[in-house]
C-alpha cells in the first residue's frame, strides 16, 4: 500500500484519478427562505369542517448568475390557495432559494441543471415549510405531491420553441 492519493499530479500535469480537476461539478452553497407569507383571512370561520377544499397551486423556477465565478441563485416560487365553498381558507406564498456553484459545466448543460436539477434539490425543504405552516394555521398539513422538474422543464422548452404561452 502506498501513501499516494488518487488525485496526485502526474508528470504531465494531469491527475491520477482521470482529470477530476476538469470534471463537471456542482456545490450547494446555501439554501434559504427568501420570501414567505401565510394568510388566513377568514379564520376562524374558515376552520370549520365541510366540503373538501379546492387547492390552486402555481409553481415557477427562475435562476440568475450572481457573478462570474459560476455561482447562481435559483428561486423556487410556490403559491398555494385553498378555497372552500367560495371562501378563501388560506394563501401561502413561498420563494425558497439556493446558491449553487458550478465548475466545468458545458454551456448547453447549464440551463437544465439550473431549472430542473436545482429545484429538485430545493423542493423537499419548500414542501416541508408549506406543510408545517398550513398545519400551524389550523388546517391539515398541505402535502404537495413530488414534482418532476425535468418534465416541467422539457414541456416549457417545447412551448417556448413553438411560441406557445406556458
N, C-alpha and C. Protein backbone atom coordinates (compact mmCIF):
# COMPACT_ATOMS: atom_id res chain seq x y z
N UNK A 1 0.84 -1.17 0.00
CA UNK A 1 0.00 0.00 0.00
C UNK A 1 0.89 1.23 0.00
N UNK A 2 0.46 2.26 -0.73
CA UNK A 2 1.26 3.47 -0.80
C UNK A 2 0.54 4.61 -0.10
N UNK A 3 1.27 5.68 0.13
CA UNK A 3 0.69 6.87 0.74
C UNK A 3 0.14 7.84 -0.29
N UNK A 4 0.25 7.51 -1.60
CA UNK A 4 -0.21 8.41 -2.65
C UNK A 4 -1.73 8.41 -2.70
N UNK A 5 -2.29 9.57 -2.97
CA UNK A 5 -3.73 9.66 -3.13
C UNK A 5 -4.07 9.62 -4.61
N UNK A 6 -5.32 9.37 -4.91
CA UNK A 6 -5.75 9.24 -6.30
C UNK A 6 -5.69 10.56 -7.05
N UNK A 7 -5.55 11.67 -6.35
CA UNK A 7 -5.52 12.95 -7.05
C UNK A 7 -4.11 13.55 -7.12
N UNK A 8 -3.09 12.74 -6.88
CA UNK A 8 -1.72 13.23 -7.00
C UNK A 8 -1.43 13.59 -8.46
N UNK A 9 -0.78 14.72 -8.71
CA UNK A 9 -0.44 15.08 -10.08
C UNK A 9 0.57 14.11 -10.67
N UNK A 10 0.41 13.81 -11.95
CA UNK A 10 1.38 13.02 -12.69
C UNK A 10 2.36 13.96 -13.35
N UNK A 11 3.36 13.41 -13.99
CA UNK A 11 4.40 14.24 -14.60
C UNK A 11 3.85 15.21 -15.65
N UNK A 12 2.83 14.81 -16.42
CA UNK A 12 2.31 15.68 -17.48
C UNK A 12 1.29 16.70 -16.99
N UNK A 13 1.05 16.79 -15.69
CA UNK A 13 0.15 17.78 -15.13
C UNK A 13 -1.28 17.30 -14.97
N UNK A 14 -1.62 16.14 -15.52
CA UNK A 14 -2.98 15.62 -15.34
C UNK A 14 -3.07 14.94 -13.99
N UNK A 15 -4.27 14.59 -13.61
CA UNK A 15 -4.46 13.94 -12.32
C UNK A 15 -4.55 12.44 -12.47
N UNK A 16 -4.09 11.72 -11.47
CA UNK A 16 -4.11 10.27 -11.50
C UNK A 16 -5.53 9.73 -11.50
N UNK A 17 -6.49 10.49 -11.04
CA UNK A 17 -7.87 9.98 -10.97
C UNK A 17 -8.64 10.27 -12.25
N UNK A 18 -7.98 10.53 -13.33
CA UNK A 18 -8.67 10.70 -14.60
C UNK A 18 -9.10 12.14 -14.87
N UNK A 19 -8.49 13.10 -14.25
CA UNK A 19 -8.79 14.50 -14.56
C UNK A 19 -9.94 15.07 -13.76
N UNK A 20 -10.04 14.73 -12.48
CA UNK A 20 -11.14 15.22 -11.66
C UNK A 20 -11.16 16.74 -11.56
N UNK A 21 -10.01 17.36 -11.79
CA UNK A 21 -9.94 18.81 -11.74
C UNK A 21 -10.82 19.44 -12.82
N UNK A 22 -11.04 18.75 -13.93
CA UNK A 22 -11.84 19.27 -15.03
C UNK A 22 -13.21 18.59 -15.13
N UNK A 23 -13.53 17.72 -14.21
CA UNK A 23 -14.84 17.06 -14.23
C UNK A 23 -15.91 18.07 -13.82
N UNK A 24 -17.08 18.01 -14.47
CA UNK A 24 -18.18 18.91 -14.07
C UNK A 24 -18.55 18.67 -12.60
N UNK A 25 -18.86 19.76 -11.91
CA UNK A 25 -19.25 19.62 -10.51
C UNK A 25 -20.24 20.72 -10.14
N UNK A 26 -21.04 20.42 -9.13
CA UNK A 26 -21.98 21.39 -8.58
C UNK A 26 -21.90 21.31 -7.06
N UNK A 27 -21.93 22.47 -6.42
CA UNK A 27 -21.93 22.54 -4.96
C UNK A 27 -23.12 23.37 -4.52
N UNK A 28 -23.80 22.92 -3.48
CA UNK A 28 -24.87 23.70 -2.88
C UNK A 28 -24.20 24.55 -1.80
N UNK A 29 -24.19 25.87 -2.02
CA UNK A 29 -23.53 26.77 -1.08
C UNK A 29 -24.46 27.20 0.04
N UNK A 30 -25.76 27.35 -0.27
CA UNK A 30 -26.73 27.79 0.74
C UNK A 30 -28.13 27.51 0.25
N UNK A 31 -29.04 27.34 1.20
CA UNK A 31 -30.48 27.25 0.95
C UNK A 31 -31.16 28.14 1.96
N UNK A 32 -32.23 28.87 1.52
CA UNK A 32 -32.83 29.83 2.44
C UNK A 32 -34.22 30.23 1.98
N UNK A 33 -35.01 30.69 2.94
CA UNK A 33 -36.31 31.28 2.65
C UNK A 33 -36.05 32.72 2.25
N UNK A 34 -36.43 33.05 1.02
CA UNK A 34 -36.24 34.42 0.54
C UNK A 34 -37.48 35.26 0.83
N UNK A 35 -38.65 34.64 0.71
CA UNK A 35 -39.91 35.34 0.99
C UNK A 35 -40.94 34.30 1.39
N UNK A 36 -41.72 34.61 2.43
CA UNK A 36 -42.74 33.67 2.87
C UNK A 36 -43.92 34.44 3.43
N UNK A 37 -45.12 34.00 3.02
CA UNK A 37 -46.33 34.62 3.53
C UNK A 37 -47.38 33.54 3.73
N UNK A 38 -48.03 33.56 4.87
CA UNK A 38 -49.18 32.70 5.13
C UNK A 38 -50.32 33.61 5.55
N UNK A 39 -51.40 33.57 4.79
CA UNK A 39 -52.57 34.39 5.10
C UNK A 39 -53.73 33.47 5.44
N UNK A 40 -54.43 33.82 6.50
CA UNK A 40 -55.57 33.05 6.99
C UNK A 40 -56.73 34.06 7.13
N UNK A 41 -57.20 34.62 5.99
CA UNK A 41 -58.06 35.80 6.04
C UNK A 41 -59.44 35.60 6.65
N UNK A 42 -59.97 34.40 6.64
CA UNK A 42 -61.33 34.19 7.13
C UNK A 42 -61.40 33.34 8.39
N UNK A 43 -60.26 33.22 9.09
CA UNK A 43 -60.26 32.47 10.34
C UNK A 43 -61.04 33.28 11.38
N UNK A 44 -61.75 32.66 12.25
CA UNK A 44 -61.86 31.23 12.50
C UNK A 44 -62.96 30.54 11.67
N UNK A 45 -63.79 31.30 10.95
CA UNK A 45 -64.88 30.68 10.20
C UNK A 45 -64.39 29.68 9.17
N UNK A 46 -63.23 29.92 8.57
CA UNK A 46 -62.71 29.02 7.54
C UNK A 46 -62.19 27.71 8.11
N UNK A 47 -62.08 27.62 9.43
CA UNK A 47 -61.54 26.41 10.05
C UNK A 47 -62.59 25.33 10.28
N UNK A 48 -63.84 25.65 10.02
CA UNK A 48 -64.90 24.66 10.26
C UNK A 48 -64.81 23.53 9.24
N UNK A 49 -65.29 22.39 9.64
CA UNK A 49 -65.31 21.22 8.74
C UNK A 49 -66.35 21.44 7.67
N UNK A 50 -66.16 20.81 6.56
CA UNK A 50 -67.13 20.93 5.47
C UNK A 50 -66.65 20.24 4.22
N UNK A 51 -67.04 20.81 3.12
CA UNK A 51 -66.70 20.28 1.81
C UNK A 51 -65.19 20.30 1.62
N UNK A 52 -64.69 19.31 0.88
CA UNK A 52 -63.26 19.25 0.56
C UNK A 52 -62.84 20.54 -0.14
N UNK A 53 -61.76 21.17 0.29
CA UNK A 53 -61.34 22.42 -0.33
C UNK A 53 -60.75 22.21 -1.73
N UNK A 54 -60.76 23.27 -2.50
CA UNK A 54 -60.10 23.28 -3.81
C UNK A 54 -58.75 23.95 -3.60
N UNK A 55 -57.69 23.29 -4.04
CA UNK A 55 -56.34 23.85 -3.90
C UNK A 55 -55.85 24.27 -5.28
N UNK A 56 -55.49 25.54 -5.40
CA UNK A 56 -54.89 26.06 -6.62
C UNK A 56 -53.40 26.21 -6.34
N UNK A 57 -52.58 25.56 -7.15
CA UNK A 57 -51.13 25.56 -6.93
C UNK A 57 -50.43 26.13 -8.16
N UNK A 58 -49.57 27.09 -7.94
CA UNK A 58 -48.75 27.69 -9.00
C UNK A 58 -47.29 27.50 -8.62
N UNK A 59 -46.49 27.12 -9.60
CA UNK A 59 -45.08 26.86 -9.36
C UNK A 59 -44.26 27.53 -10.45
N UNK A 60 -43.15 28.15 -10.06
CA UNK A 60 -42.27 28.79 -11.03
C UNK A 60 -40.84 28.63 -10.55
N UNK A 61 -39.92 28.54 -11.52
CA UNK A 61 -38.50 28.42 -11.21
C UNK A 61 -37.77 29.48 -12.02
N UNK A 62 -36.84 30.16 -11.37
CA UNK A 62 -36.00 31.12 -12.08
C UNK A 62 -34.57 31.01 -11.54
N UNK A 63 -33.64 31.46 -12.36
CA UNK A 63 -32.23 31.41 -11.97
C UNK A 63 -31.52 32.63 -12.52
N UNK A 64 -30.49 33.05 -11.78
CA UNK A 64 -29.68 34.17 -12.26
C UNK A 64 -28.25 34.00 -11.76
N UNK A 65 -27.32 34.46 -12.58
CA UNK A 65 -25.91 34.42 -12.21
C UNK A 65 -25.65 35.48 -11.15
N UNK A 66 -24.90 35.11 -10.15
CA UNK A 66 -24.54 36.07 -9.10
C UNK A 66 -23.28 36.85 -9.45
N UNK A 67 -22.37 36.18 -10.14
CA UNK A 67 -21.11 36.80 -10.54
C UNK A 67 -20.47 35.92 -11.60
N UNK A 68 -19.22 36.15 -11.89
CA UNK A 68 -18.52 35.39 -12.93
C UNK A 68 -17.87 34.11 -12.40
N UNK A 69 -18.06 33.79 -11.13
CA UNK A 69 -17.39 32.64 -10.53
C UNK A 69 -18.18 31.34 -10.67
N UNK A 70 -19.27 31.36 -11.41
CA UNK A 70 -20.06 30.15 -11.57
C UNK A 70 -21.10 29.96 -10.49
N UNK A 71 -21.38 31.00 -9.70
CA UNK A 71 -22.39 30.93 -8.65
C UNK A 71 -23.71 31.47 -9.19
N UNK A 72 -24.78 30.69 -8.99
CA UNK A 72 -26.11 31.05 -9.44
C UNK A 72 -27.08 30.96 -8.28
N UNK A 73 -28.06 31.86 -8.29
CA UNK A 73 -29.16 31.79 -7.34
C UNK A 73 -30.36 31.21 -8.09
N UNK A 74 -30.97 30.18 -7.51
CA UNK A 74 -32.16 29.55 -8.08
C UNK A 74 -33.31 29.80 -7.12
N UNK A 75 -34.41 30.33 -7.65
CA UNK A 75 -35.61 30.59 -6.85
C UNK A 75 -36.69 29.60 -7.23
N UNK A 76 -37.26 28.94 -6.24
CA UNK A 76 -38.42 28.08 -6.41
C UNK A 76 -39.60 28.82 -5.79
N UNK A 77 -40.53 29.24 -6.65
CA UNK A 77 -41.67 30.03 -6.18
C UNK A 77 -42.90 29.13 -6.17
N UNK A 78 -43.55 29.04 -5.01
CA UNK A 78 -44.75 28.23 -4.86
C UNK A 78 -45.85 29.09 -4.26
N UNK A 79 -46.97 29.15 -4.95
CA UNK A 79 -48.16 29.83 -4.44
C UNK A 79 -49.26 28.80 -4.34
N UNK A 80 -49.86 28.70 -3.16
CA UNK A 80 -50.97 27.76 -2.94
C UNK A 80 -52.12 28.53 -2.32
N UNK A 81 -53.30 28.27 -2.86
CA UNK A 81 -54.51 28.92 -2.36
C UNK A 81 -55.55 27.84 -2.13
N UNK A 82 -56.14 27.84 -0.94
CA UNK A 82 -57.19 26.88 -0.59
C UNK A 82 -58.51 27.63 -0.47
N UNK A 83 -59.50 27.17 -1.25
CA UNK A 83 -60.85 27.74 -1.21
C UNK A 83 -61.85 26.63 -0.94
N UNK A 84 -62.85 26.96 -0.13
CA UNK A 84 -63.94 26.03 0.14
C UNK A 84 -65.25 26.80 0.05
N UNK A 85 -66.13 26.31 -0.82
CA UNK A 85 -67.45 26.92 -1.00
C UNK A 85 -67.35 28.42 -1.25
N UNK A 86 -66.39 28.81 -2.10
CA UNK A 86 -66.25 30.22 -2.47
C UNK A 86 -65.55 31.09 -1.44
N UNK A 87 -65.10 30.51 -0.35
CA UNK A 87 -64.43 31.29 0.69
C UNK A 87 -62.96 30.86 0.78
N UNK A 88 -62.07 31.84 0.80
CA UNK A 88 -60.65 31.56 0.91
C UNK A 88 -60.35 31.04 2.31
N UNK A 89 -59.68 29.88 2.35
CA UNK A 89 -59.23 29.36 3.64
C UNK A 89 -57.86 29.93 3.97
N UNK A 90 -56.90 29.67 3.07
CA UNK A 90 -55.57 30.21 3.30
C UNK A 90 -54.86 30.44 1.97
N UNK A 91 -53.83 31.29 2.03
CA UNK A 91 -52.97 31.58 0.89
C UNK A 91 -51.53 31.48 1.39
N UNK A 92 -50.75 30.69 0.67
CA UNK A 92 -49.33 30.56 1.00
C UNK A 92 -48.53 31.03 -0.21
N UNK A 93 -47.56 31.90 0.04
CA UNK A 93 -46.64 32.35 -1.00
C UNK A 93 -45.23 32.12 -0.46
N UNK A 94 -44.47 31.33 -1.19
CA UNK A 94 -43.12 30.98 -0.74
C UNK A 94 -42.13 31.14 -1.89
N UNK A 95 -41.03 31.81 -1.61
CA UNK A 95 -39.87 31.80 -2.51
C UNK A 95 -38.75 31.17 -1.70
N UNK A 96 -38.39 29.94 -2.09
CA UNK A 96 -37.31 29.21 -1.44
C UNK A 96 -36.15 29.18 -2.41
N UNK A 97 -34.99 29.62 -1.96
CA UNK A 97 -33.86 29.83 -2.87
C UNK A 97 -32.64 29.04 -2.45
N UNK A 98 -31.75 28.90 -3.40
CA UNK A 98 -30.48 28.25 -3.14
C UNK A 98 -29.38 28.89 -3.96
N UNK A 99 -28.17 28.85 -3.41
CA UNK A 99 -26.98 29.28 -4.14
C UNK A 99 -26.23 28.03 -4.56
N UNK A 100 -25.97 27.93 -5.84
CA UNK A 100 -25.30 26.77 -6.41
C UNK A 100 -24.07 27.24 -7.16
N UNK A 101 -22.96 26.52 -6.98
CA UNK A 101 -21.74 26.85 -7.71
C UNK A 101 -21.42 25.72 -8.67
N UNK A 102 -21.21 26.08 -9.93
CA UNK A 102 -20.92 25.12 -10.98
C UNK A 102 -19.48 25.31 -11.45
N UNK A 103 -18.82 24.21 -11.75
CA UNK A 103 -17.48 24.26 -12.31
C UNK A 103 -17.41 23.26 -13.46
N UNK A 104 -16.80 23.70 -14.54
CA UNK A 104 -16.56 22.84 -15.70
C UNK A 104 -17.83 22.24 -16.29
N UNK A 105 -18.91 22.99 -16.26
CA UNK A 105 -20.18 22.54 -16.82
C UNK A 105 -20.30 23.15 -18.21
N UNK A 106 -20.49 22.33 -19.24
CA UNK A 106 -20.67 22.89 -20.59
C UNK A 106 -21.89 23.80 -20.65
N UNK A 107 -21.82 24.83 -21.47
CA UNK A 107 -22.89 25.82 -21.57
C UNK A 107 -24.26 25.24 -21.82
N UNK A 108 -24.36 24.24 -22.71
CA UNK A 108 -25.66 23.66 -23.04
C UNK A 108 -26.25 22.85 -21.89
N UNK A 109 -25.44 22.45 -20.94
CA UNK A 109 -25.92 21.67 -19.80
C UNK A 109 -26.34 22.54 -18.62
N UNK A 110 -25.98 23.82 -18.66
CA UNK A 110 -26.24 24.68 -17.50
C UNK A 110 -27.72 24.95 -17.28
N UNK A 111 -28.46 25.29 -18.33
CA UNK A 111 -29.88 25.62 -18.16
C UNK A 111 -30.68 24.46 -17.57
N UNK A 112 -30.55 23.22 -18.09
CA UNK A 112 -31.31 22.13 -17.46
C UNK A 112 -30.89 21.87 -16.01
N UNK A 113 -29.64 22.08 -15.69
CA UNK A 113 -29.21 21.91 -14.30
C UNK A 113 -29.88 22.96 -13.41
N UNK A 114 -29.88 24.21 -13.87
CA UNK A 114 -30.45 25.30 -13.08
C UNK A 114 -31.96 25.19 -12.93
N UNK A 115 -32.65 24.80 -14.00
CA UNK A 115 -34.11 24.85 -14.00
C UNK A 115 -34.78 23.50 -13.74
N UNK A 116 -34.01 22.42 -13.67
CA UNK A 116 -34.61 21.11 -13.38
C UNK A 116 -33.95 20.43 -12.17
N UNK A 117 -32.63 20.38 -12.16
CA UNK A 117 -31.95 19.65 -11.08
C UNK A 117 -31.88 20.44 -9.78
N UNK A 118 -31.58 21.73 -9.86
CA UNK A 118 -31.50 22.55 -8.63
C UNK A 118 -32.86 22.63 -7.92
N UNK A 119 -33.97 22.86 -8.64
CA UNK A 119 -35.27 22.86 -7.95
C UNK A 119 -35.59 21.51 -7.31
N UNK A 120 -35.10 20.44 -7.91
CA UNK A 120 -35.31 19.10 -7.34
C UNK A 120 -34.64 19.01 -5.96
N UNK A 121 -33.52 19.68 -5.79
CA UNK A 121 -32.82 19.71 -4.50
C UNK A 121 -33.58 20.58 -3.50
N UNK A 122 -34.12 21.71 -3.97
CA UNK A 122 -34.81 22.66 -3.08
C UNK A 122 -36.20 22.20 -2.66
N UNK A 123 -36.89 21.47 -3.53
CA UNK A 123 -38.31 21.17 -3.33
C UNK A 123 -38.65 20.48 -2.00
N UNK A 124 -37.93 19.46 -1.55
CA UNK A 124 -38.34 18.82 -0.28
C UNK A 124 -38.36 19.79 0.91
N UNK A 125 -37.47 20.75 0.92
CA UNK A 125 -37.42 21.72 2.01
C UNK A 125 -38.59 22.70 1.92
N UNK A 126 -38.90 23.14 0.70
CA UNK A 126 -40.04 24.03 0.49
C UNK A 126 -41.34 23.30 0.83
N UNK A 127 -41.44 22.04 0.44
CA UNK A 127 -42.63 21.22 0.73
C UNK A 127 -42.86 21.12 2.24
N UNK A 128 -41.79 20.93 2.98
CA UNK A 128 -41.91 20.82 4.43
C UNK A 128 -42.37 22.13 5.05
N UNK A 129 -41.85 23.26 4.56
CA UNK A 129 -42.27 24.56 5.08
C UNK A 129 -43.77 24.78 4.85
N UNK A 130 -44.25 24.42 3.68
CA UNK A 130 -45.67 24.59 3.36
C UNK A 130 -46.53 23.70 4.23
N UNK A 131 -46.13 22.46 4.41
CA UNK A 131 -46.89 21.52 5.25
C UNK A 131 -46.94 21.99 6.70
N UNK A 132 -45.81 22.39 7.22
CA UNK A 132 -45.73 22.83 8.62
C UNK A 132 -46.56 24.08 8.87
N UNK A 133 -46.47 25.04 7.95
CA UNK A 133 -47.17 26.30 8.17
C UNK A 133 -48.67 26.21 7.90
N UNK A 134 -49.10 25.37 6.98
CA UNK A 134 -50.54 25.20 6.80
C UNK A 134 -51.13 24.52 8.04
N UNK A 135 -50.39 23.61 8.62
CA UNK A 135 -50.84 22.95 9.85
C UNK A 135 -50.86 23.94 11.02
N UNK A 136 -49.85 24.80 11.10
CA UNK A 136 -49.81 25.81 12.16
C UNK A 136 -50.96 26.81 12.01
N UNK A 137 -51.48 26.95 10.78
CA UNK A 137 -52.61 27.83 10.54
C UNK A 137 -53.95 27.22 10.92
N UNK A 138 -53.94 25.96 11.38
CA UNK A 138 -55.17 25.32 11.84
C UNK A 138 -55.77 24.33 10.86
N UNK A 139 -55.06 24.04 9.75
CA UNK A 139 -55.56 23.13 8.73
C UNK A 139 -54.73 21.84 8.73
N UNK A 140 -55.24 20.82 8.06
CA UNK A 140 -54.37 19.66 7.87
C UNK A 140 -53.14 20.09 7.06
N UNK A 141 -52.01 19.44 7.26
CA UNK A 141 -50.82 19.86 6.51
C UNK A 141 -51.04 19.69 5.01
N UNK A 142 -50.67 20.71 4.24
CA UNK A 142 -50.76 20.65 2.79
C UNK A 142 -49.51 19.93 2.29
N UNK A 143 -49.69 18.68 1.92
CA UNK A 143 -48.57 17.86 1.44
C UNK A 143 -48.55 17.89 -0.08
N UNK A 144 -47.64 18.65 -0.64
CA UNK A 144 -47.52 18.74 -2.09
C UNK A 144 -46.97 17.43 -2.64
N UNK A 145 -47.55 17.00 -3.76
CA UNK A 145 -47.05 15.80 -4.42
C UNK A 145 -45.65 16.08 -4.95
N UNK A 146 -44.82 15.03 -5.05
CA UNK A 146 -43.50 15.23 -5.66
C UNK A 146 -43.64 15.80 -7.07
N UNK A 147 -42.69 16.61 -7.47
CA UNK A 147 -42.72 17.26 -8.78
C UNK A 147 -41.62 16.69 -9.66
N UNK A 148 -41.93 16.51 -10.93
CA UNK A 148 -40.94 16.09 -11.92
C UNK A 148 -40.45 17.35 -12.63
N UNK A 149 -39.42 17.97 -12.09
CA UNK A 149 -38.93 19.22 -12.64
C UNK A 149 -38.30 19.03 -14.02
N UNK A 150 -37.78 17.85 -14.29
CA UNK A 150 -37.24 17.56 -15.62
C UNK A 150 -38.34 17.60 -16.67
N UNK A 151 -39.49 17.00 -16.37
CA UNK A 151 -40.62 17.02 -17.31
C UNK A 151 -41.19 18.43 -17.45
N UNK A 152 -41.27 19.18 -16.36
CA UNK A 152 -41.76 20.56 -16.43
C UNK A 152 -40.84 21.41 -17.30
N UNK A 153 -39.52 21.24 -17.12
CA UNK A 153 -38.56 21.98 -17.92
C UNK A 153 -38.70 21.61 -19.40
N UNK A 154 -38.82 20.33 -19.69
CA UNK A 154 -38.94 19.88 -21.09
C UNK A 154 -40.21 20.45 -21.73
N UNK A 155 -41.32 20.45 -21.00
CA UNK A 155 -42.57 20.99 -21.51
C UNK A 155 -42.45 22.48 -21.80
N UNK A 156 -41.85 23.22 -20.86
CA UNK A 156 -41.68 24.66 -21.07
C UNK A 156 -40.75 24.94 -22.24
N UNK A 157 -39.76 24.13 -22.41
CA UNK A 157 -38.81 24.33 -23.52
C UNK A 157 -39.51 24.10 -24.87
N UNK A 158 -40.35 23.08 -24.94
CA UNK A 158 -41.11 22.81 -26.16
C UNK A 158 -42.07 23.97 -26.44
N UNK A 159 -42.76 24.43 -25.39
CA UNK A 159 -43.69 25.54 -25.57
C UNK A 159 -42.98 26.81 -26.02
N UNK A 160 -41.80 27.07 -25.49
CA UNK A 160 -41.02 28.25 -25.91
C UNK A 160 -40.60 28.15 -27.36
N UNK A 161 -40.16 26.97 -27.77
CA UNK A 161 -39.68 26.81 -29.15
C UNK A 161 -40.82 26.87 -30.17
N UNK A 162 -42.05 26.50 -29.75
CA UNK A 162 -43.18 26.55 -30.67
C UNK A 162 -43.96 27.86 -30.56
N UNK A 163 -43.55 28.73 -29.63
CA UNK A 163 -44.19 30.02 -29.49
C UNK A 163 -45.46 30.00 -28.67
N UNK A 164 -45.79 28.87 -28.03
CA UNK A 164 -46.99 28.78 -27.21
C UNK A 164 -46.71 29.38 -25.83
N UNK A 165 -47.72 30.03 -25.24
CA UNK A 165 -47.53 30.54 -23.87
C UNK A 165 -47.47 29.39 -22.89
N UNK A 166 -46.67 29.53 -21.82
CA UNK A 166 -46.60 28.46 -20.83
C UNK A 166 -47.63 28.57 -19.77
